[in-house]
N, C-alpha and C. Protein backbone atom coordinates (compact mmCIF):
# COMPACT_ATOMS: atom_id res chain seq x y z
N MET A 1 179.18 22.81 62.09
CA MET A 1 179.97 23.66 62.90
C MET A 1 180.00 23.01 64.15
N SER A 2 181.18 23.29 64.81
CA SER A 2 181.22 22.62 66.14
C SER A 2 181.52 23.81 67.18
N PHE A 3 180.60 24.15 68.17
CA PHE A 3 180.89 25.22 68.91
C PHE A 3 180.94 24.53 70.32
N SER A 4 181.67 25.23 71.16
CA SER A 4 182.00 24.67 72.46
C SER A 4 181.56 25.89 73.47
N ILE A 5 180.21 25.86 74.10
CA ILE A 5 180.04 26.93 75.14
C ILE A 5 179.77 26.40 76.67
N ASP A 6 180.79 27.02 77.24
CA ASP A 6 181.11 26.60 78.84
C ASP A 6 180.06 27.44 79.48
N LEU A 7 179.30 26.99 80.20
CA LEU A 7 178.39 27.79 81.08
C LEU A 7 179.01 27.67 82.55
N GLN A 8 179.30 28.61 83.43
CA GLN A 8 179.92 28.76 84.79
C GLN A 8 178.80 29.45 85.44
N VAL A 9 178.26 28.65 86.44
CA VAL A 9 177.25 29.34 87.26
C VAL A 9 177.92 29.77 88.57
N ASP A 10 177.82 31.04 88.96
CA ASP A 10 178.58 31.63 89.91
C ASP A 10 177.50 32.05 91.15
N ASP A 11 176.29 32.48 90.57
CA ASP A 11 175.10 32.48 91.24
C ASP A 11 174.04 31.69 91.27
N PRO A 12 173.75 30.72 92.36
CA PRO A 12 172.76 29.72 92.20
C PRO A 12 171.36 30.06 91.78
N ARG A 13 170.97 31.37 91.86
CA ARG A 13 169.44 31.69 91.35
C ARG A 13 169.48 31.35 89.91
N TRP A 14 170.50 31.40 89.15
CA TRP A 14 170.59 31.16 87.58
C TRP A 14 169.95 29.57 87.43
N ARG A 15 170.32 28.68 88.37
CA ARG A 15 169.93 27.27 88.40
C ARG A 15 168.35 27.18 88.56
N THR A 16 167.80 27.87 89.25
CA THR A 16 166.38 27.76 89.45
C THR A 16 165.49 28.03 88.36
N VAL A 17 165.95 28.58 87.09
CA VAL A 17 165.29 29.05 85.75
C VAL A 17 165.55 27.40 85.01
N ARG A 18 164.12 27.04 85.12
CA ARG A 18 164.34 25.54 84.21
C ARG A 18 164.58 25.77 82.95
N GLY A 19 165.57 25.10 82.32
CA GLY A 19 165.77 24.82 81.06
C GLY A 19 166.78 25.94 80.36
N LEU A 20 167.16 26.83 81.34
CA LEU A 20 167.78 28.21 80.91
C LEU A 20 169.18 27.79 80.28
N SER A 21 169.95 26.81 80.96
CA SER A 21 171.32 26.56 80.29
C SER A 21 171.08 25.90 78.96
N ALA A 22 170.25 25.29 78.44
CA ALA A 22 170.10 24.59 77.01
C ALA A 22 169.67 25.96 76.14
N ARG A 23 168.98 26.65 76.80
CA ARG A 23 168.42 27.92 75.93
C ARG A 23 169.58 28.89 75.76
N LEU A 24 170.40 28.98 76.56
CA LEU A 24 171.45 30.07 76.37
C LEU A 24 172.49 29.48 75.56
N ARG A 25 172.74 27.97 75.57
CA ARG A 25 173.69 27.58 74.72
C ARG A 25 173.12 27.61 73.25
N ARG A 26 171.85 27.38 73.24
CA ARG A 26 171.27 27.58 71.76
C ARG A 26 171.25 28.93 71.29
N SER A 27 171.11 29.99 72.00
CA SER A 27 171.17 31.39 71.74
C SER A 27 172.44 31.59 71.21
N ALA A 28 173.64 31.05 72.10
CA ALA A 28 175.00 31.40 71.66
C ALA A 28 175.25 30.85 70.39
N GLU A 29 174.81 29.53 70.21
CA GLU A 29 175.37 28.94 69.06
C GLU A 29 174.74 29.59 67.73
N LEU A 30 173.52 30.11 67.76
CA LEU A 30 172.74 30.76 66.65
C LEU A 30 173.37 32.20 66.43
N ALA A 31 173.84 32.67 67.46
CA ALA A 31 174.42 33.69 67.06
C ALA A 31 175.95 33.80 66.51
N LEU A 32 176.52 32.49 67.03
CA LEU A 32 177.83 32.31 66.31
C LEU A 32 177.73 31.91 64.87
N LYS A 33 176.67 31.05 64.40
CA LYS A 33 176.40 30.81 63.33
C LYS A 33 176.20 32.19 62.28
N HIS A 34 175.38 33.07 62.75
CA HIS A 34 175.12 34.12 62.07
C HIS A 34 176.14 35.11 61.92
N GLY A 35 176.97 35.12 63.00
CA GLY A 35 178.01 36.10 62.98
C GLY A 35 179.19 35.63 62.27
N LYS A 36 179.20 34.28 61.87
CA LYS A 36 180.18 33.79 60.93
C LYS A 36 181.40 33.43 61.66
N ALA A 37 181.34 32.87 62.87
CA ALA A 37 182.43 32.71 63.69
C ALA A 37 183.19 31.59 62.81
N ALA A 38 184.44 31.27 63.51
CA ALA A 38 185.25 30.09 62.97
C ALA A 38 184.52 28.76 62.93
N LYS A 39 184.69 27.92 62.32
CA LYS A 39 184.03 26.72 62.27
C LYS A 39 184.06 25.83 63.61
N ALA A 40 185.06 26.21 64.34
CA ALA A 40 185.28 25.40 65.73
C ALA A 40 185.44 26.55 66.70
N SER A 41 184.63 26.91 67.19
CA SER A 41 184.75 28.41 68.25
C SER A 41 184.36 27.90 69.49
N SER A 42 184.76 28.68 70.47
CA SER A 42 184.42 28.26 71.87
C SER A 42 184.25 29.67 72.56
N LEU A 43 183.71 29.78 73.69
CA LEU A 43 183.50 30.82 74.67
C LEU A 43 182.92 30.35 75.96
N THR A 44 182.91 31.17 76.87
CA THR A 44 182.39 30.96 77.97
C THR A 44 181.45 32.04 78.59
N ILE A 45 180.39 31.57 79.16
CA ILE A 45 179.48 32.18 79.72
C ILE A 45 179.24 32.22 81.18
N LEU A 46 179.45 33.28 82.10
CA LEU A 46 179.51 33.24 83.22
C LEU A 46 178.07 33.62 83.62
N LEU A 47 177.42 33.02 84.42
CA LEU A 47 176.13 33.42 85.10
C LEU A 47 176.51 33.90 86.61
N THR A 48 176.35 35.01 86.88
CA THR A 48 176.73 35.62 88.12
C THR A 48 175.75 36.50 88.70
N ASP A 49 176.32 37.33 89.57
CA ASP A 49 175.17 38.21 90.26
C ASP A 49 175.73 39.68 89.97
N ASP A 50 175.04 40.59 90.37
CA ASP A 50 175.13 42.02 90.22
C ASP A 50 176.47 42.41 90.74
N ALA A 51 176.70 42.02 91.96
CA ALA A 51 178.15 42.37 92.60
C ALA A 51 179.39 42.24 91.82
N ARG A 52 179.35 41.06 91.03
CA ARG A 52 180.37 40.56 90.29
C ARG A 52 180.44 41.23 89.07
N LEU A 53 179.44 41.83 88.44
CA LEU A 53 179.24 42.60 87.19
C LEU A 53 179.71 43.83 87.50
N LYS A 54 179.26 44.50 88.80
CA LYS A 54 179.71 45.79 88.91
C LYS A 54 181.12 45.97 89.06
N SER A 55 181.49 44.90 89.87
CA SER A 55 183.43 44.74 90.01
C SER A 55 184.00 44.70 88.63
N LEU A 56 183.51 43.70 87.65
CA LEU A 56 184.16 43.61 86.42
C LEU A 56 183.88 45.16 85.58
N ASN A 57 182.51 45.60 85.92
CA ASN A 57 182.51 46.88 85.13
C ASN A 57 183.37 47.95 85.51
N ARG A 58 183.57 48.02 86.83
CA ARG A 58 184.57 48.95 87.28
C ARG A 58 185.99 48.69 86.91
N ASP A 59 186.48 47.50 87.05
CA ASP A 59 187.87 47.21 86.71
C ASP A 59 188.22 47.21 85.22
N PHE A 60 187.28 47.04 84.38
CA PHE A 60 187.50 46.91 83.01
C PHE A 60 186.98 48.04 82.19
N ARG A 61 185.95 48.46 82.68
CA ARG A 61 185.43 49.93 81.96
C ARG A 61 185.38 51.27 82.64
N ASP A 62 185.77 51.07 83.92
CA ASP A 62 185.73 52.22 84.75
C ASP A 62 184.42 52.80 85.03
N LYS A 63 183.46 52.04 84.92
CA LYS A 63 182.16 52.16 85.30
C LYS A 63 181.64 51.71 86.72
N ASN A 64 181.39 52.18 87.75
CA ASN A 64 181.33 51.77 88.81
C ASN A 64 179.73 51.57 89.27
N LYS A 65 179.23 50.56 88.35
CA LYS A 65 177.63 50.41 88.61
C LYS A 65 177.45 48.63 87.88
N ALA A 66 176.57 48.24 88.48
CA ALA A 66 176.26 46.77 87.71
C ALA A 66 175.68 46.98 86.15
N THR A 67 175.72 45.94 85.52
CA THR A 67 175.25 46.18 84.19
C THR A 67 174.76 44.71 83.84
N ASN A 68 174.09 44.60 82.92
CA ASN A 68 173.27 43.35 82.57
C ASN A 68 174.22 42.36 81.92
N VAL A 69 175.14 42.72 80.98
CA VAL A 69 175.93 41.75 80.27
C VAL A 69 177.28 42.54 79.98
N LEU A 70 178.33 41.78 80.06
CA LEU A 70 179.70 42.22 79.80
C LEU A 70 180.36 41.12 78.76
N SER A 71 181.13 41.65 77.61
CA SER A 71 181.78 40.74 76.94
C SER A 71 183.24 41.10 76.98
N PHE A 72 184.14 40.08 76.83
CA PHE A 72 185.51 40.17 77.18
C PHE A 72 186.21 39.20 76.08
N PRO A 73 186.34 39.92 74.75
CA PRO A 73 186.99 39.20 73.59
C PRO A 73 188.40 38.65 73.95
N ALA A 74 188.64 37.64 73.65
CA ALA A 74 189.95 36.88 73.89
C ALA A 74 191.10 37.39 72.70
N ASP A 75 192.24 37.54 73.32
CA ASP A 75 193.24 38.04 72.26
C ASP A 75 193.31 36.83 71.15
N GLN A 76 193.09 37.31 70.07
CA GLN A 76 193.01 36.35 68.79
C GLN A 76 194.29 35.88 68.48
N VAL A 77 194.77 34.82 69.13
CA VAL A 77 195.95 34.22 68.71
C VAL A 77 195.54 33.14 67.55
N ASP A 78 194.70 32.20 67.72
CA ASP A 78 194.32 31.38 66.86
C ASP A 78 192.80 31.45 66.24
N GLY A 79 192.10 32.26 66.79
CA GLY A 79 190.47 32.76 66.67
C GLY A 79 189.82 31.69 66.97
N ARG A 80 190.16 30.75 67.65
CA ARG A 80 189.06 29.67 68.11
C ARG A 80 188.38 29.96 69.41
N TYR A 81 189.21 30.48 70.44
CA TYR A 81 188.49 30.91 71.57
C TYR A 81 188.19 32.19 71.77
N LEU A 82 186.93 32.62 71.26
CA LEU A 82 186.34 33.76 71.39
C LEU A 82 186.43 34.88 72.43
N GLY A 83 186.40 34.08 73.50
CA GLY A 83 186.11 35.05 75.09
C GLY A 83 185.12 34.87 75.85
N ASP A 84 185.02 35.76 76.75
CA ASP A 84 184.12 35.27 77.84
C ASP A 84 182.86 36.47 77.82
N ILE A 85 181.67 36.01 78.26
CA ILE A 85 180.61 36.67 78.54
C ILE A 85 180.17 36.69 79.82
N ALA A 86 179.85 37.78 80.84
CA ALA A 86 179.19 37.61 82.10
C ALA A 86 177.94 38.49 82.00
N LEU A 87 176.94 37.44 82.61
CA LEU A 87 175.35 38.15 82.88
C LEU A 87 175.17 38.26 84.38
N ALA A 88 174.60 39.24 84.73
CA ALA A 88 174.23 39.64 86.45
C ALA A 88 172.71 39.15 86.47
N TYR A 89 172.48 38.18 87.48
CA TYR A 89 171.18 37.95 87.67
C TYR A 89 170.13 39.07 87.93
N GLY A 90 170.17 39.79 88.76
CA GLY A 90 169.39 40.83 89.31
C GLY A 90 169.01 41.83 88.39
N VAL A 91 169.92 42.38 87.81
CA VAL A 91 169.94 43.41 86.70
C VAL A 91 169.14 42.69 85.62
N THR A 92 169.55 41.38 85.06
CA THR A 92 168.62 40.82 84.03
C THR A 92 167.13 40.80 84.65
N ALA A 93 167.00 40.25 85.74
CA ALA A 93 165.60 39.94 86.39
C ALA A 93 164.56 41.40 86.37
N ALA A 94 165.53 42.41 86.84
CA ALA A 94 164.94 43.59 87.03
C ALA A 94 164.51 44.23 85.66
N GLU A 95 165.28 44.03 84.41
CA GLU A 95 164.93 44.49 83.29
C GLU A 95 163.96 43.96 82.68
N ALA A 96 163.97 42.53 82.80
CA ALA A 96 162.77 41.82 82.42
C ALA A 96 161.48 42.32 82.83
N ARG A 97 161.29 42.29 84.40
CA ARG A 97 160.28 42.80 84.84
C ARG A 97 159.65 44.10 84.29
N ALA A 98 160.73 45.05 84.10
CA ALA A 98 160.43 46.47 83.75
C ALA A 98 160.06 46.56 82.35
N GLY A 99 160.37 45.76 81.71
CA GLY A 99 160.31 45.42 80.13
C GLY A 99 159.11 44.56 79.85
N GLY A 100 158.25 44.06 80.93
CA GLY A 100 157.20 43.17 80.63
C GLY A 100 157.65 41.89 79.71
N LYS A 101 158.99 41.39 80.05
CA LYS A 101 159.66 40.34 79.15
C LYS A 101 159.86 39.16 79.94
N ARG A 102 159.61 38.01 79.54
CA ARG A 102 160.16 36.72 80.19
C ARG A 102 161.54 36.70 80.59
N PHE A 103 161.87 36.38 81.74
CA PHE A 103 163.54 36.22 82.30
C PHE A 103 164.17 35.43 81.23
N THR A 104 163.76 34.39 80.68
CA THR A 104 164.39 33.45 79.94
C THR A 104 164.68 34.00 78.66
N ASP A 105 163.68 34.73 78.09
CA ASP A 105 163.83 35.43 76.60
C ASP A 105 164.69 36.71 76.87
N HIS A 106 164.68 37.34 78.08
CA HIS A 106 165.72 38.30 78.16
C HIS A 106 167.19 37.99 78.34
N ALA A 107 167.33 36.77 79.00
CA ALA A 107 168.65 36.46 79.43
C ALA A 107 169.04 35.78 77.99
N MET A 108 168.38 35.26 77.10
CA MET A 108 168.73 34.77 75.83
C MET A 108 169.25 35.97 74.93
N HIS A 109 168.53 37.04 75.00
CA HIS A 109 168.68 38.15 74.21
C HIS A 109 170.16 38.64 74.67
N LEU A 110 170.43 38.72 75.97
CA LEU A 110 171.77 39.36 76.55
C LEU A 110 172.87 38.34 76.11
N ALA A 111 172.68 36.95 75.92
CA ALA A 111 173.74 35.99 75.31
C ALA A 111 173.95 36.39 74.13
N VAL A 112 172.98 36.50 73.25
CA VAL A 112 173.07 36.91 71.78
C VAL A 112 173.78 37.94 71.87
N HIS A 113 173.49 39.07 72.52
CA HIS A 113 174.22 40.35 72.51
C HIS A 113 175.68 40.35 72.83
N GLY A 114 175.83 39.45 73.73
CA GLY A 114 177.19 39.24 74.28
C GLY A 114 178.04 38.41 73.16
N VAL A 115 177.56 37.56 72.51
CA VAL A 115 178.35 36.74 71.63
C VAL A 115 178.60 37.83 70.44
N LEU A 116 177.61 38.54 70.09
CA LEU A 116 178.03 39.44 68.87
C LEU A 116 179.11 40.50 69.03
N HIS A 117 179.02 40.69 70.23
CA HIS A 117 180.15 41.70 70.60
C HIS A 117 181.70 40.87 70.64
N LEU A 118 181.46 39.74 71.08
CA LEU A 118 182.74 38.79 70.78
C LEU A 118 183.21 38.85 69.49
N LEU A 119 182.15 38.59 68.53
CA LEU A 119 182.40 38.73 67.04
C LEU A 119 182.74 39.99 66.55
N GLY A 120 182.86 41.05 67.26
CA GLY A 120 183.38 42.14 66.74
C GLY A 120 182.18 43.40 66.39
N PHE A 121 180.95 42.97 66.69
CA PHE A 121 179.78 43.81 66.48
C PHE A 121 179.87 44.71 67.42
N ASP A 122 178.96 45.86 67.33
CA ASP A 122 179.17 47.16 68.29
C ASP A 122 177.66 47.72 67.93
N HIS A 123 177.35 48.77 69.05
CA HIS A 123 176.33 49.53 68.94
C HIS A 123 176.54 50.97 69.39
N GLN A 124 178.04 51.41 69.50
CA GLN A 124 178.29 52.55 70.03
C GLN A 124 177.95 53.80 69.34
N THR A 125 177.87 53.59 67.96
CA THR A 125 177.32 54.69 66.93
C THR A 125 176.01 54.19 66.43
N LYS A 126 175.33 55.11 65.87
CA LYS A 126 174.05 54.83 65.31
C LYS A 126 174.43 53.98 63.97
N ARG A 127 175.48 54.25 63.43
CA ARG A 127 175.80 53.22 62.05
C ARG A 127 176.08 51.85 62.57
N ALA A 128 176.86 51.60 63.55
CA ALA A 128 177.21 50.27 64.02
C ALA A 128 175.90 49.69 64.62
N ALA A 129 175.18 50.23 65.39
CA ALA A 129 173.68 49.82 65.92
C ALA A 129 172.95 49.51 64.92
N LYS A 130 172.87 50.11 63.71
CA LYS A 130 171.85 49.78 62.54
C LYS A 130 172.57 48.59 61.74
N ILE A 131 173.63 47.82 62.22
CA ILE A 131 173.92 46.64 61.78
C ILE A 131 174.11 45.61 62.75
N MET A 132 174.12 45.90 63.92
CA MET A 132 174.19 45.02 65.19
C MET A 132 172.64 44.50 65.57
N GLU A 133 171.82 45.54 65.68
CA GLU A 133 170.64 45.51 66.20
C GLU A 133 169.56 44.55 65.24
N PRO A 134 169.54 44.93 63.96
CA PRO A 134 168.68 43.70 62.97
C PRO A 134 169.25 42.41 63.26
N LEU A 135 170.62 42.30 63.38
CA LEU A 135 171.09 41.03 63.52
C LEU A 135 170.50 40.27 64.75
N GLU A 136 170.61 40.89 65.95
CA GLU A 136 169.98 40.46 67.02
C GLU A 136 168.59 40.20 66.91
N VAL A 137 167.78 40.99 66.37
CA VAL A 137 166.43 40.71 66.00
C VAL A 137 166.09 39.54 65.29
N GLU A 138 166.81 39.25 64.17
CA GLU A 138 166.69 38.19 63.32
C GLU A 138 167.13 36.85 64.11
N ILE A 139 168.21 36.92 64.83
CA ILE A 139 168.57 35.88 65.70
C ILE A 139 167.53 35.55 66.56
N LEU A 140 167.05 36.32 67.32
CA LEU A 140 166.02 36.32 68.39
C LEU A 140 164.65 35.61 67.87
N GLY A 141 164.34 36.18 66.62
CA GLY A 141 163.11 35.67 65.89
C GLY A 141 163.25 34.23 65.50
N ARG A 142 164.22 33.72 65.17
CA ARG A 142 164.59 32.23 65.15
C ARG A 142 164.53 31.44 66.18
N LEU A 143 164.55 32.30 67.28
CA LEU A 143 164.49 31.58 68.68
C LEU A 143 163.00 31.65 69.36
N GLY A 144 162.17 32.37 68.44
CA GLY A 144 160.86 32.47 68.87
C GLY A 144 160.71 33.61 70.02
N ILE A 145 161.53 34.44 69.91
CA ILE A 145 161.37 35.79 71.03
C ILE A 145 161.31 37.07 70.15
N GLU A 146 160.25 37.82 70.65
CA GLU A 146 159.87 39.04 69.82
C GLU A 146 161.06 40.08 69.97
N ASN A 147 160.93 40.98 68.98
CA ASN A 147 162.11 42.08 68.93
C ASN A 147 162.13 42.92 70.22
N PRO A 148 163.06 42.97 70.85
CA PRO A 148 163.16 43.52 72.04
C PRO A 148 163.39 45.17 71.87
N TYR A 149 163.46 45.57 70.74
CA TYR A 149 163.67 47.13 70.47
C TYR A 149 162.37 47.58 69.86
N ALA A 150 161.40 46.94 69.70
CA ALA A 150 160.24 47.34 69.21
C ALA A 150 159.51 48.14 70.39
N ARG A 151 159.59 47.46 71.54
CA ARG A 151 158.83 48.20 72.70
C ARG A 151 159.66 49.53 73.04
N GLU A 152 161.00 49.56 73.02
CA GLU A 152 161.98 50.62 73.33
C GLU A 152 161.49 51.71 72.30
N ALA A 153 161.26 51.37 70.96
CA ALA A 153 160.88 52.37 70.15
C ALA A 153 159.45 53.15 70.27
N ALA A 154 158.70 52.34 70.75
CA ALA A 154 157.22 53.01 70.82
C ALA A 154 157.18 54.04 71.84
């Protein structure tokens, strides 16, 4: 399978995390494989700041607050370009600290989560979450990351 994952760094703090780019690409690729994406799929991951995510969240979801990750599925003309994912540095860092997680692990989880959204998975209902969350856990396990939902359930 041939996947193209374009990383765009809008906030320089993302560049300070050693090895993050390769890990995010690997996370996205694994999610694409598990999500049964087209054999040649591509997407973009924007690594930005909280202000940009707040603006995107307000403009596209009518929620005037920063969030950790947003996904923007492409119009499915040929099914190859899946869309865009945006991650906010500050929110990601704060959530990692609050959850006792490594920043890199949490960012990788958000990348997987975003890719699954591009592939049509959702968690808005309990039924949909029962499909999406175990898939996230399986993918993260293959990346050596523990179940992020185990702490939330405890």
